[in-house]
PDB file of N, CA and C in Angstrom:
ATOM      1  N   MET A   1      -9.066 -10.462  16.693  1.00  0.00           N
ATOM      2  CA  MET A   1      -8.980  -9.998  15.317  1.00  0.00           C
ATOM      3  C   MET A   1      -7.516  -9.935  14.905  1.00  0.00           C
ATOM      4  N   GLY A   2      -7.143 -10.711  13.925  1.00  0.00           N
ATOM      5  CA  GLY A   2      -5.759 -10.774  13.491  1.00  0.00           C
ATOM      6  C   GLY A   2      -5.429  -9.716  12.458  1.00  0.00           C
ATOM      7  N   TYR A   3      -4.148  -9.499  12.279  1.00  0.00           N
ATOM      8  CA  TYR A   3      -3.678  -8.558  11.283  1.00  0.00           C
ATOM      9  C   TYR A   3      -2.332  -9.036  10.752  1.00  0.00           C
ATOM     10  N   ALA A   4      -1.894  -8.402   9.679  1.00  0.00           N
ATOM     11  CA  ALA A   4      -0.599  -8.703   9.094  1.00  0.00           C
ATOM     12  C   ALA A   4       0.040  -7.400   8.650  1.00  0.00           C
ATOM     13  N   VAL A   5       1.361  -7.406   8.552  1.00  0.00           N
ATOM     14  CA  VAL A   5       2.104  -6.272   8.025  1.00  0.00           C
ATOM     15  C   VAL A   5       2.730  -6.731   6.716  1.00  0.00           C
ATOM     16  N   ILE A   6       2.383  -6.025   5.622  1.00  0.00           N
ATOM     17  CA  ILE A   6       2.888  -6.396   4.304  1.00  0.00           C
ATOM     18  C   ILE A   6       3.761  -5.271   3.757  1.00  0.00           C
ATOM     19  N   ALA A   7       4.619  -5.615   2.802  1.00  0.00           N
ATOM     20  CA  ALA A   7       5.453  -4.624   2.121  1.00  0.00           C
ATOM     21  C   ALA A   7       5.029  -4.565   0.660  1.00  0.00           C
ATOM     22  N   SER A   8       4.787  -3.345   0.179  1.00  0.00           N
ATOM     23  CA  SER A   8       4.408  -3.155  -1.216  1.00  0.00           C
ATOM     24  C   SER A   8       4.824  -1.757  -1.646  1.00  0.00           C
ATOM     25  N   GLY A   9       5.540  -1.668  -2.750  1.00  0.00           N
ATOM     26  CA  GLY A   9       5.938  -0.374  -3.280  1.00  0.00           C
ATOM     27  C   GLY A   9       6.896   0.386  -2.388  1.00  0.00           C
ATOM     28  N   GLY A  10       7.725  -0.318  -1.623  1.00  0.00           N
ATOM     29  CA  GLY A  10       8.685   0.335  -0.752  1.00  0.00           C
ATOM     30  C   GLY A  10       8.095   0.842   0.547  1.00  0.00           C
ATOM     31  N   LYS A  11       6.847   0.525   0.818  1.00  0.00           N
ATOM     32  CA  LYS A  11       6.187   0.948   2.049  1.00  0.00           C
ATOM     33  C   LYS A  11       5.627  -0.263   2.776  1.00  0.00           C
ATOM     34  N   GLN A  12       5.297  -0.093   4.041  1.00  0.00           N
ATOM     35  CA  GLN A  12       4.728  -1.162   4.845  1.00  0.00           C
ATOM     36  C   GLN A  12       3.312  -0.772   5.254  1.00  0.00           C
ATOM     37  N   TYR A  13       2.411  -1.755   5.220  1.00  0.00           N
ATOM     38  CA  TYR A  13       1.011  -1.522   5.532  1.00  0.00           C
ATOM     39  C   TYR A  13       0.521  -2.559   6.530  1.00  0.00           C
ATOM     40  N   LYS A  14      -0.212  -2.104   7.540  1.00  0.00           N
ATOM     41  CA  LYS A  14      -0.862  -3.000   8.488  1.00  0.00           C
ATOM     42  C   LYS A  14      -2.270  -3.248   7.967  1.00  0.00           C
ATOM     43  N   VAL A  15      -2.604  -4.519   7.700  1.00  0.00           N
ATOM     44  CA  VAL A  15      -3.886  -4.839   7.072  1.00  0.00           C
ATOM     45  C   VAL A  15      -4.645  -5.874   7.886  1.00  0.00           C
ATOM     46  N   ARG A  16      -5.963  -5.820   7.803  1.00  0.00           N
ATOM     47  CA  ARG A  16      -6.871  -6.795   8.405  1.00  0.00           C
ATOM     48  C   ARG A  16      -7.802  -7.316   7.319  1.00  0.00           C
ATOM     49  N   GLU A  17      -8.383  -8.465   7.542  1.00  0.00           N
ATOM     50  CA  GLU A  17      -9.338  -9.015   6.580  1.00  0.00           C
ATOM     51  C   GLU A  17     -10.569  -8.120   6.507  1.00  0.00           C
ATOM     52  N   GLY A  18     -11.021  -7.849   5.284  1.00  0.00           N
ATOM     53  CA  GLY A  18     -12.229  -7.067   5.079  1.00  0.00           C
ATOM     54  C   GLY A  18     -12.009  -5.575   4.937  1.00  0.00           C
ATOM     55  N   GLU A  19     -10.822  -5.068   5.225  1.00  0.00           N
ATOM     56  CA  GLU A  19     -10.607  -3.631   5.112  1.00  0.00           C
ATOM     57  C   GLU A  19      -9.989  -3.286   3.760  1.00  0.00           C
ATOM     58  N   THR A  20     -10.063  -2.000   3.403  1.00  0.00           N
ATOM     59  CA  THR A  20      -9.470  -1.534   2.156  1.00  0.00           C
ATOM     60  C   THR A  20      -8.233  -0.710   2.480  1.00  0.00           C
ATOM     61  N   VAL A  21      -7.261  -0.774   1.581  1.00  0.00           N
ATOM     62  CA  VAL A  21      -6.012  -0.043   1.775  1.00  0.00           C
ATOM     63  C   VAL A  21      -5.559   0.509   0.426  1.00  0.00           C
ATOM     64  N   ASN A  22      -5.051   1.746   0.433  1.00  0.00           N
ATOM     65  CA  ASN A  22      -4.507   2.367  -0.771  1.00  0.00           C
ATOM     66  C   ASN A  22      -3.003   2.136  -0.795  1.00  0.00           C
ATOM     67  N   VAL A  23      -2.535   1.365  -1.780  1.00  0.00           N
ATOM     68  CA  VAL A  23      -1.109   1.082  -1.925  1.00  0.00           C
ATOM     69  C   VAL A  23      -0.588   1.797  -3.161  1.00  0.00           C
ATOM     70  N   GLU A  24       0.731   1.816  -3.311  1.00  0.00           N
ATOM     71  CA  GLU A  24       1.325   2.402  -4.505  1.00  0.00           C
ATOM     72  C   GLU A  24       0.810   1.670  -5.732  1.00  0.00           C
ATOM     73  N   ARG A  25       0.777   2.343  -6.860  1.00  0.00           N
ATOM     74  CA  ARG A  25       0.174   1.830  -8.091  1.00  0.00           C
ATOM     75  C   ARG A  25       0.669   0.426  -8.445  1.00  0.00           C
ATOM     76  N   LEU A  26      -0.273  -0.500  -8.652  1.00  0.00           N
ATOM     77  CA  LEU A  26       0.013  -1.871  -9.064  1.00  0.00           C
ATOM     78  C   LEU A  26      -0.659  -2.134 -10.405  1.00  0.00           C
ATOM     79  N   ASP A  27      -0.060  -2.993 -11.213  1.00  0.00           N
ATOM     80  CA  ASP A  27      -0.664  -3.362 -12.485  1.00  0.00           C
ATOM     81  C   ASP A  27      -1.852  -4.278 -12.242  1.00  0.00           C
ATOM     82  N   GLY A  28      -2.900  -4.095 -13.020  1.00  0.00           N
ATOM     83  CA  GLY A  28      -4.084  -4.937 -12.913  1.00  0.00           C
ATOM     84  C   GLY A  28      -5.340  -4.135 -13.137  1.00  0.00           C
ATOM     85  N   ASP A  29      -6.390  -4.844 -13.534  1.00  0.00           N
ATOM     86  CA  ASP A  29      -7.680  -4.210 -13.767  1.00  0.00           C
ATOM     87  C   ASP A  29      -8.531  -4.286 -12.511  1.00  0.00           C
ATOM     88  N   VAL A  30      -9.578  -3.471 -12.483  1.00  0.00           N
ATOM     89  CA  VAL A  30     -10.515  -3.492 -11.365  1.00  0.00           C
ATOM     90  C   VAL A  30     -11.182  -4.865 -11.307  1.00  0.00           C
ATOM     91  N   GLY A  31     -11.188  -5.464 -10.132  1.00  0.00           N
ATOM     92  CA  GLY A  31     -11.758  -6.791  -9.933  1.00  0.00           C
ATOM     93  C   GLY A  31     -10.735  -7.907  -9.978  1.00  0.00           C
ATOM     94  N   ALA A  32      -9.522  -7.609 -10.426  1.00  0.00           N
ATOM     95  CA  ALA A  32      -8.486  -8.643 -10.513  1.00  0.00           C
ATOM     96  C   ALA A  32      -7.978  -9.007  -9.118  1.00  0.00           C
ATOM     97  N   GLU A  33      -7.627 -10.277  -8.960  1.00  0.00           N
ATOM     98  CA  GLU A  33      -7.089 -10.741  -7.678  1.00  0.00           C
ATOM     99  C   GLU A  33      -5.616 -10.367  -7.583  1.00  0.00           C
ATOM    100  N   ILE A  34      -5.193 -10.000  -6.393  1.00  0.00           N
ATOM    101  CA  ILE A  34      -3.792  -9.622  -6.152  1.00  0.00           C
ATOM    102  C   ILE A  34      -3.297 -10.367  -4.927  1.00  0.00           C
ATOM    103  N   VAL A  35      -2.044 -10.810  -4.975  1.00  0.00           N
ATOM    104  CA  VAL A  35      -1.454 -11.581  -3.880  1.00  0.00           C
ATOM    105  C   VAL A  35      -0.198 -10.862  -3.407  1.00  0.00           C
ATOM    106  N   PHE A  36      -0.148 -10.549  -2.115  1.00  0.00           N
ATOM    107  CA  PHE A  36       1.041  -9.966  -1.497  1.00  0.00           C
ATOM    108  C   PHE A  36       1.790 -11.090  -0.792  1.00  0.00           C
ATOM    109  N   ASP A  37       3.015 -11.394  -1.264  1.00  0.00           N
ATOM    110  CA  ASP A  37       3.766 -12.489  -0.647  1.00  0.00           C
ATOM    111  C   ASP A  37       4.887 -11.998   0.268  1.00  0.00           C
ATOM    112  N   HIS A  38       5.083 -10.683   0.367  1.00  0.00           N
ATOM    113  CA  HIS A  38       6.061 -10.130   1.298  1.00  0.00           C
ATOM    114  C   HIS A  38       5.345  -9.784   2.602  1.00  0.00           C
ATOM    115  N   VAL A  39       5.063 -10.810   3.403  1.00  0.00           N
ATOM    116  CA  VAL A  39       4.415 -10.635   4.696  1.00  0.00           C
ATOM    117  C   VAL A  39       5.516 -10.553   5.751  1.00  0.00           C
ATOM    118  N   LEU A  40       5.605  -9.416   6.424  1.00  0.00           N
ATOM    119  CA  LEU A  40       6.677  -9.188   7.385  1.00  0.00           C
ATOM    120  C   LEU A  40       6.315  -9.649   8.786  1.00  0.00           C
ATOM    121  N   MET A  41       5.015  -9.602   9.120  1.00  0.00           N
ATOM    122  CA  MET A  41       4.584  -9.945  10.469  1.00  0.00           C
ATOM    123  C   MET A  41       3.137 -10.392  10.433  1.00  0.00           C
ATOM    124  N   HIS A  42       2.774 -11.277  11.361  1.00  0.00           N
ATOM    125  CA  HIS A  42       1.390 -11.741  11.474  1.00  0.00           C
ATOM    126  C   HIS A  42       1.025 -11.870  12.937  1.00  0.00           C
ATOM    127  N   SER A  43      -0.190 -11.461  13.263  1.00  0.00           N
ATOM    128  CA  SER A  43      -0.708 -11.614  14.613  1.00  0.00           C
ATOM    129  C   SER A  43      -2.127 -12.148  14.519  1.00  0.00           C
ATOM    130  N   ASP A  44      -2.431 -13.172  15.327  1.00  0.00           N
ATOM    131  CA  ASP A  44      -3.781 -13.726  15.341  1.00  0.00           C
ATOM    132  C   ASP A  44      -4.583 -13.237  16.538  1.00  0.00           C
ATOM    133  N   GLY A  45      -4.082 -12.252  17.244  1.00  0.00           N
ATOM    134  CA  GLY A  45      -4.766 -11.724  18.420  1.00  0.00           C
ATOM    135  C   GLY A  45      -4.042 -12.088  19.702  1.00  0.00           C
ATOM    136  N   GLU A  46      -3.386 -13.240  19.714  1.00  0.00           N
ATOM    137  CA  GLU A  46      -2.637 -13.673  20.896  1.00  0.00           C
ATOM    138  C   GLU A  46      -1.158 -13.876  20.576  1.00  0.00           C
ATOM    139  N   ASN A  47      -0.889 -14.595  19.483  1.00  0.00           N
ATOM    140  CA  ASN A  47       0.482 -14.907  19.113  1.00  0.00           C
ATOM    141  C   ASN A  47       0.949 -13.987  17.986  1.00  0.00           C
ATOM    142  N   VAL A  48       2.197 -13.523  18.088  1.00  0.00           N
ATOM    143  CA  VAL A  48       2.784 -12.671  17.076  1.00  0.00           C
ATOM    144  C   VAL A  48       3.948 -13.422  16.440  1.00  0.00           C
ATOM    145  N   THR A  49       3.965 -13.467  15.103  1.00  0.00           N
ATOM    146  CA  THR A  49       5.038 -14.109  14.359  1.00  0.00           C
ATOM    147  C   THR A  49       5.719 -13.055  13.509  1.00  0.00           C
ATOM    148  N   ILE A  50       7.048 -12.952  13.677  1.00  0.00           N
ATOM    149  CA  ILE A  50       7.819 -11.952  12.949  1.00  0.00           C
ATOM    150  C   ILE A  50       8.766 -12.670  12.000  1.00  0.00           C
ATOM    151  N   GLY A  51       8.803 -12.231  10.755  1.00  0.00           N
ATOM    152  CA  GLY A  51       9.647 -12.851   9.749  1.00  0.00           C
ATOM    153  C   GLY A  51      11.077 -12.337   9.798  1.00  0.00           C
ATOM    154  N   THR A  52      11.970 -13.086   9.148  1.00  0.00           N
ATOM    155  CA  THR A  52      13.374 -12.696   9.093  1.00  0.00           C
ATOM    156  C   THR A  52      13.890 -12.741   7.667  1.00  0.00           C
ATOM    157  N   PRO A  53      13.634 -11.857   6.780  1.00  0.00           N
ATOM    158  CA  PRO A  53      12.795 -10.664   6.914  1.00  0.00           C
ATOM    159  C   PRO A  53      11.325 -10.911   6.582  1.00  0.00           C
ATOM    160  N   VAL A  54      11.007 -12.007   5.840  1.00  0.00           N
ATOM    161  CA  VAL A  54       9.601 -12.278   5.516  1.00  0.00           C
ATOM    162  C   VAL A  54       9.207 -13.638   6.063  1.00  0.00           C
ATOM    163  N   LEU A  55       7.912 -13.831   6.229  1.00  0.00           N
ATOM    164  CA  LEU A  55       7.390 -15.119   6.686  1.00  0.00           C
ATOM    165  C   LEU A  55       7.286 -16.076   5.506  1.00  0.00           C
ATOM    166  N   GLU A  56       7.768 -17.287   5.677  1.00  0.00           N
ATOM    167  CA  GLU A  56       7.683 -18.293   4.631  1.00  0.00           C
ATOM    168  C   GLU A  56       6.242 -18.807   4.524  1.00  0.00           C
ATOM    169  N   ASN A  57       5.775 -19.047   3.306  1.00  0.00           N
ATOM    170  CA  ASN A  57       4.453 -19.606   3.021  1.00  0.00           C
ATOM    171  C   ASN A  57       3.307 -18.742   3.530  1.00  0.00           C
ATOM    172  N   ALA A  58       3.540 -17.467   3.749  1.00  0.00           N
ATOM    173  CA  ALA A  58       2.483 -16.566   4.200  1.00  0.00           C
ATOM    174  C   ALA A  58       2.113 -15.647   3.038  1.00  0.00           C
ATOM    175  N   VAL A  59       0.819 -15.537   2.767  1.00  0.00           N
ATOM    176  CA  VAL A  59       0.339 -14.649   1.707  1.00  0.00           C
ATOM    177  C   VAL A  59      -0.886 -13.886   2.191  1.00  0.00           C
ATOM    178  N   VAL A  60      -1.064 -12.717   1.618  1.00  0.00           N
ATOM    179  CA  VAL A  60      -2.268 -11.921   1.854  1.00  0.00           C
ATOM    180  C   VAL A  60      -2.936 -11.754   0.508  1.00  0.00           C
ATOM    181  N   LYS A  61      -4.200 -12.190   0.411  1.00  0.00           N
ATOM    182  CA  LYS A  61      -4.926 -12.143  -0.851  1.00  0.00           C
ATOM    183  C   LYS A  61      -5.983 -11.048  -0.798  1.00  0.00           C
ATOM    184  N   GLY A  62      -6.176 -10.404  -1.934  1.00  0.00           N
ATOM    185  CA  GLY A  62      -7.184  -9.364  -2.039  1.00  0.00           C
ATOM    186  C   GLY A  62      -7.559  -9.152  -3.486  1.00  0.00           C
ATOM    187  N   HIS A  63      -8.417  -8.180  -3.721  1.00  0.00           N
ATOM    188  CA  HIS A  63      -8.768  -7.843  -5.098  1.00  0.00           C
ATOM    189  C   HIS A  63      -8.808  -6.324  -5.249  1.00  0.00           C
ATOM    190  N   ILE A  64      -8.564  -5.886  -6.479  1.00  0.00           N
ATOM    191  CA  ILE A  64      -8.465  -4.459  -6.778  1.00  0.00           C
ATOM    192  C   ILE A  64      -9.868  -3.864  -6.874  1.00  0.00           C
ATOM    193  N   ILE A  65     -10.079  -2.794  -6.125  1.00  0.00           N
ATOM    194  CA  ILE A  65     -11.362  -2.096  -6.143  1.00  0.00           C
ATOM    195  C   ILE A  65     -11.310  -0.888  -7.073  1.00  0.00           C
ATOM    196  N   ASP A  66     -10.168  -0.176  -7.070  1.00  0.00           N
ATOM    197  CA  ASP A  66     -10.097   1.076  -7.825  1.00  0.00           C
ATOM    198  C   ASP A  66      -8.644   1.369  -8.200  1.00  0.00           C
ATOM    199  N   GLN A  67      -8.465   1.981  -9.363  1.00  0.00           N
ATOM    200  CA  GLN A  67      -7.182   2.546  -9.774  1.00  0.00           C
ATOM    201  C   GLN A  67      -7.415   4.050  -9.883  1.00  0.00           C
ATOM    202  N   GLY A  68      -6.663   4.849  -9.145  1.00  0.00           N
ATOM    203  CA  GLY A  68      -6.937   6.282  -9.179  1.00  0.00           C
ATOM    204  C   GLY A  68      -5.716   7.113  -8.873  1.00  0.00           C
ATOM    205  N   LYS A  69      -5.968   8.402  -8.643  1.00  0.00           N
ATOM    206  CA  LYS A  69      -4.921   9.336  -8.276  1.00  0.00           C
ATOM    207  C   LYS A  69      -5.360  10.101  -7.041  1.00  0.00           C
ATOM    208  N   HIS A  70      -4.417  10.401  -6.162  1.00  0.00           N
ATOM    209  CA  HIS A  70      -4.692  11.214  -4.989  1.00  0.00           C
ATOM    210  C   HIS A  70      -4.946  12.655  -5.417  1.00  0.00           C
ATOM    211  N   SER A  71      -5.353  13.487  -4.479  1.00  0.00           N
ATOM    212  CA  SER A  71      -5.589  14.890  -4.802  1.00  0.00           C
ATOM    213  C   SER A  71      -4.262  15.588  -5.109  1.00  0.00           C
ATOM    214  N   LYS A  72      -4.353  16.685  -5.818  1.00  0.00           N
ATOM    215  CA  LYS A  72      -3.167  17.384  -6.304  1.00  0.00           C
ATOM    216  C   LYS A  72      -2.433  18.091  -5.162  1.00  0.00           C
ATOM    217  N   ILE A  73      -1.102  17.992  -5.201  1.00  0.00           N
ATOM    218  CA  ILE A  73      -0.270  18.810  -4.326  1.00  0.00           C
ATOM    219  C   ILE A  73       0.486  19.791  -5.214  1.00  0.00           C
ATOM    220  N   VAL A  74       0.804  20.955  -4.667  1.00  0.00           N
ATOM    221  CA  VAL A  74       1.506  21.988  -5.415  1.00  0.00           C
ATOM    222  C   VAL A  74       2.954  22.019  -4.957  1.00  0.00           C
ATOM    223  N   VAL A  75       3.867  21.916  -5.926  1.00  0.00           N
ATOM    224  CA  VAL A  75       5.302  22.029  -5.648  1.00  0.00           C
ATOM    225  C   VAL A  75       5.710  23.410  -6.136  1.00  0.00           C
ATOM    226  N   PHE A  76       6.088  24.290  -5.214  1.00  0.00           N
ATOM    227  CA  PHE A  76       6.412  25.668  -5.563  1.00  0.00           C
ATOM    228  C   PHE A  76       7.818  25.980  -5.084  1.00  0.00           C
ATOM    229  N   LYS A  77       8.695  26.315  -6.026  1.00  0.00           N
ATOM    230  CA  LYS A  77      10.073  26.695  -5.706  1.00  0.00           C
ATOM    231  C   LYS A  77      10.193  28.200  -5.872  1.00  0.00           C
ATOM    232  N   TYR A  78      10.921  28.838  -4.955  1.00  0.00           N
ATOM    233  CA  TYR A  78      10.975  30.290  -4.936  1.00  0.00           C
ATOM    234  C   TYR A  78      12.292  30.730  -4.320  1.00  0.00           C
ATOM    235  N   LYS A  79      12.941  31.687  -4.954  1.00  0.00           N
ATOM    236  CA  LYS A  79      14.131  32.319  -4.372  1.00  0.00           C
ATOM    237  C   LYS A  79      13.872  33.819  -4.337  1.00  0.00           C
ATOM    238  N   ARG A  80      13.940  34.385  -3.175  1.00  0.00           N
ATOM    239  CA  ARG A  80      13.587  35.792  -3.044  1.00  0.00           C
ATOM    240  C   ARG A  80      14.601  36.693  -3.754  1.00  0.00           C
ATOM    241  N   ARG A  81      14.086  37.781  -4.292  1.00  0.00           N
ATOM    242  CA  ARG A  81      14.862  38.832  -4.963  1.00  0.00           C
ATOM    243  C   ARG A  81      15.610  38.361  -6.204  1.00  0.00           C
ATOM    244  N   LYS A  82      15.366  37.176  -6.704  1.00  0.00           N
ATOM    245  CA  LYS A  82      16.091  36.671  -7.871  1.00  0.00           C
ATOM    246  C   LYS A  82      15.180  36.472  -9.078  1.00  0.00           C
ATOM    247  N   GLY A  83      13.888  36.644  -8.905  1.00  0.00           N
ATOM    248  CA  GLY A  83      12.958  36.442 -10.001  1.00  0.00           C
ATOM    249  C   GLY A  83      12.788  34.976 -10.368  1.00  0.00           C
ATOM    250  N   TYR A  84      13.063  34.093  -9.430  1.00  0.00           N
ATOM    251  CA  TYR A  84      12.986  32.658  -9.695  1.00  0.00           C
ATOM    252  C   TYR A  84      11.734  32.088  -9.043  1.00  0.00           C
ATOM    253  N   ARG A  85      10.809  31.619  -9.860  1.00  0.00           N
ATOM    254  CA  ARG A  85       9.589  30.980  -9.380  1.00  0.00           C
ATOM    255  C   ARG A  85       9.275  29.806 -10.293  1.00  0.00           C
ATOM    256  N   ARG A  86       8.972  28.662  -9.711  1.00  0.00           N
ATOM    257  CA  ARG A  86       8.555  27.488 -10.473  1.00  0.00           C
ATOM    258  C   ARG A  86       7.374  26.857  -9.751  1.00  0.00           C
ATOM    259  N   LYS A  87       6.303  26.645 -10.495  1.00  0.00           N
ATOM    260  CA  LYS A  87       5.114  26.030  -9.920  1.00  0.00           C
ATOM    261  C   LYS A  87       4.815  24.758 -10.690  1.00  0.00           C
ATOM    262  N   GLN A  88       4.630  23.679  -9.963  1.00  0.00           N
ATOM    263  CA  GLN A  88       4.369  22.384 -10.582  1.00  0.00           C
ATOM    264  C   GLN A  88       3.376  21.629  -9.711  1.00  0.00           C
ATOM    265  N   GLY A  89       2.490  20.875 -10.328  1.00  0.00           N
ATOM    266  CA  GLY A  89       1.541  20.056  -9.594  1.00  0.00           C
ATOM    267  C   GLY A  89       1.894  18.580  -9.722  1.00  0.00           C
ATOM    268  N   HIS A  90       1.406  17.787  -8.777  1.00  0.00           N
ATOM    269  CA  HIS A  90       1.662  16.339  -8.808  1.00  0.00           C
ATOM    270  C   HIS A  90       0.470  15.599  -8.224  1.00  0.00           C
ATOM    271  N   ARG A  91       0.072  14.513  -8.900  1.00  0.00           N
ATOM    272  CA  ARG A  91      -0.976  13.616  -8.390  1.00  0.00           C
ATOM    273  C   ARG A  91      -0.410  12.210  -8.374  1.00  0.00           C
ATOM    274  N   GLN A  92      -0.272  11.649  -7.183  1.00  0.00           N
ATOM    275  CA  GLN A  92       0.326  10.328  -7.021  1.00  0.00           C
ATOM    276  C   GLN A  92      -0.700   9.241  -7.347  1.00  0.00           C
ATOM    277  N   PRO A  93      -0.375   8.312  -8.255  1.00  0.00           N
ATOM    278  CA  PRO A  93      -1.306   7.225  -8.550  1.00  0.00           C
ATOM    279  C   PRO A  93      -1.336   6.187  -7.422  1.00  0.00           C
ATOM    280  N   TYR A  94      -2.504   5.568  -7.224  1.00  0.00           N
ATOM    281  CA  TYR A  94      -2.656   4.553  -6.189  1.00  0.00           C
ATOM    282  C   TYR A  94      -3.564   3.442  -6.685  1.00  0.00           C
ATOM    283  N   THR A  95      -3.527   2.332  -5.976  1.00  0.00           N
ATOM    284  CA  THR A  95      -4.426   1.214  -6.218  1.00  0.00           C
ATOM    285  C   THR A  95      -5.138   0.912  -4.911  1.00  0.00           C
ATOM    286  N   CYS A  96      -6.457   0.907  -4.937  1.00  0.00           N
ATOM    287  CA  CYS A  96      -7.253   0.587  -3.755  1.00  0.00           C
ATOM    288  C   CYS A  96      -7.521  -0.916  -3.758  1.00  0.00           C
ATOM    289  N   VAL A  97      -7.111  -1.600  -2.683  1.00  0.00           N
ATOM    290  CA  VAL A  97      -7.209  -3.057  -2.595  1.00  0.00           C
ATOM    291  C   VAL A  97      -8.047  -3.428  -1.378  1.00  0.00           C
ATOM    292  N   ARG A  98      -9.021  -4.334  -1.572  1.00  0.00           N
ATOM    293  CA  ARG A  98      -9.764  -4.898  -0.440  1.00  0.00           C
ATOM    294  C   ARG A  98      -9.107  -6.216  -0.065  1.00  0.00           C
ATOM    295  N   ILE A  99      -8.781  -6.362   1.219  1.00  0.00           N
ATOM    296  CA  ILE A  99      -8.104  -7.561   1.722  1.00  0.00           C
ATOM    297  C   ILE A  99      -9.166  -8.640   1.966  1.00  0.00           C
ATOM    298  N   ASP A 100      -8.991  -9.792   1.295  1.00  0.00           N
ATOM    299  CA  ASP A 100      -9.945 -10.889   1.423  1.00  0.00           C
ATOM    300  C   ASP A 100      -9.497 -11.928   2.445  1.00  0.00           C
ATOM    301  N   GLU A 101      -8.204 -12.281   2.433  1.00  0.00           N
ATOM    302  CA  GLU A 101      -7.754 -13.386   3.256  1.00  0.00           C
ATOM    303  C   GLU A 101      -6.300 -13.192   3.649  1.00  0.00           C
ATOM    304  N   ILE A 102      -6.000 -13.555   4.902  1.00  0.00           N
ATOM    305  CA  ILE A 102      -4.627 -13.612   5.380  1.00  0.00           C
ATOM    306  C   ILE A 102      -4.334 -15.079   5.661  1.00  0.00           C
ATOM    307  N   ALA A 103      -3.496 -15.688   4.808  1.00  0.00           N
ATOM    308  CA  ALA A 103      -3.220 -17.126   4.912  1.00  0.00           C
ATOM    309  C   ALA A 103      -1.805 -17.340   5.408  1.00  0.00           C
ATOM    310  N   ILE A 104      -1.703 -18.103   6.479  1.00  0.00           N
ATOM    311  CA  ILE A 104      -0.390 -18.424   7.066  1.00  0.00           C
ATOM    312  C   ILE A 104      -0.137 -19.915   6.945  1.00  0.00           C
TER     313      ILE A 104
END
């Protein structure tokens, strides 16, 4: 079973064909095809190919399943004895992508 390591949104993801992965928010509608061309590494189960920094002519194709937001985190700033309190929430947007093909 082969896999690839791709870069998207300043992060790196290890992906396999048929699996879903949540990446940083990408433009596109649900069902749209997406192509990741920053493939950093590929393994077919026996041989490993590492790019310098990316592999030439290597792409990972998939399609968008969902556009959503993660659960809320609370950002709370506090300084004791000073009466300083700040409470803020944050929900990080994501794009859920199903990997269809790893083409080398």
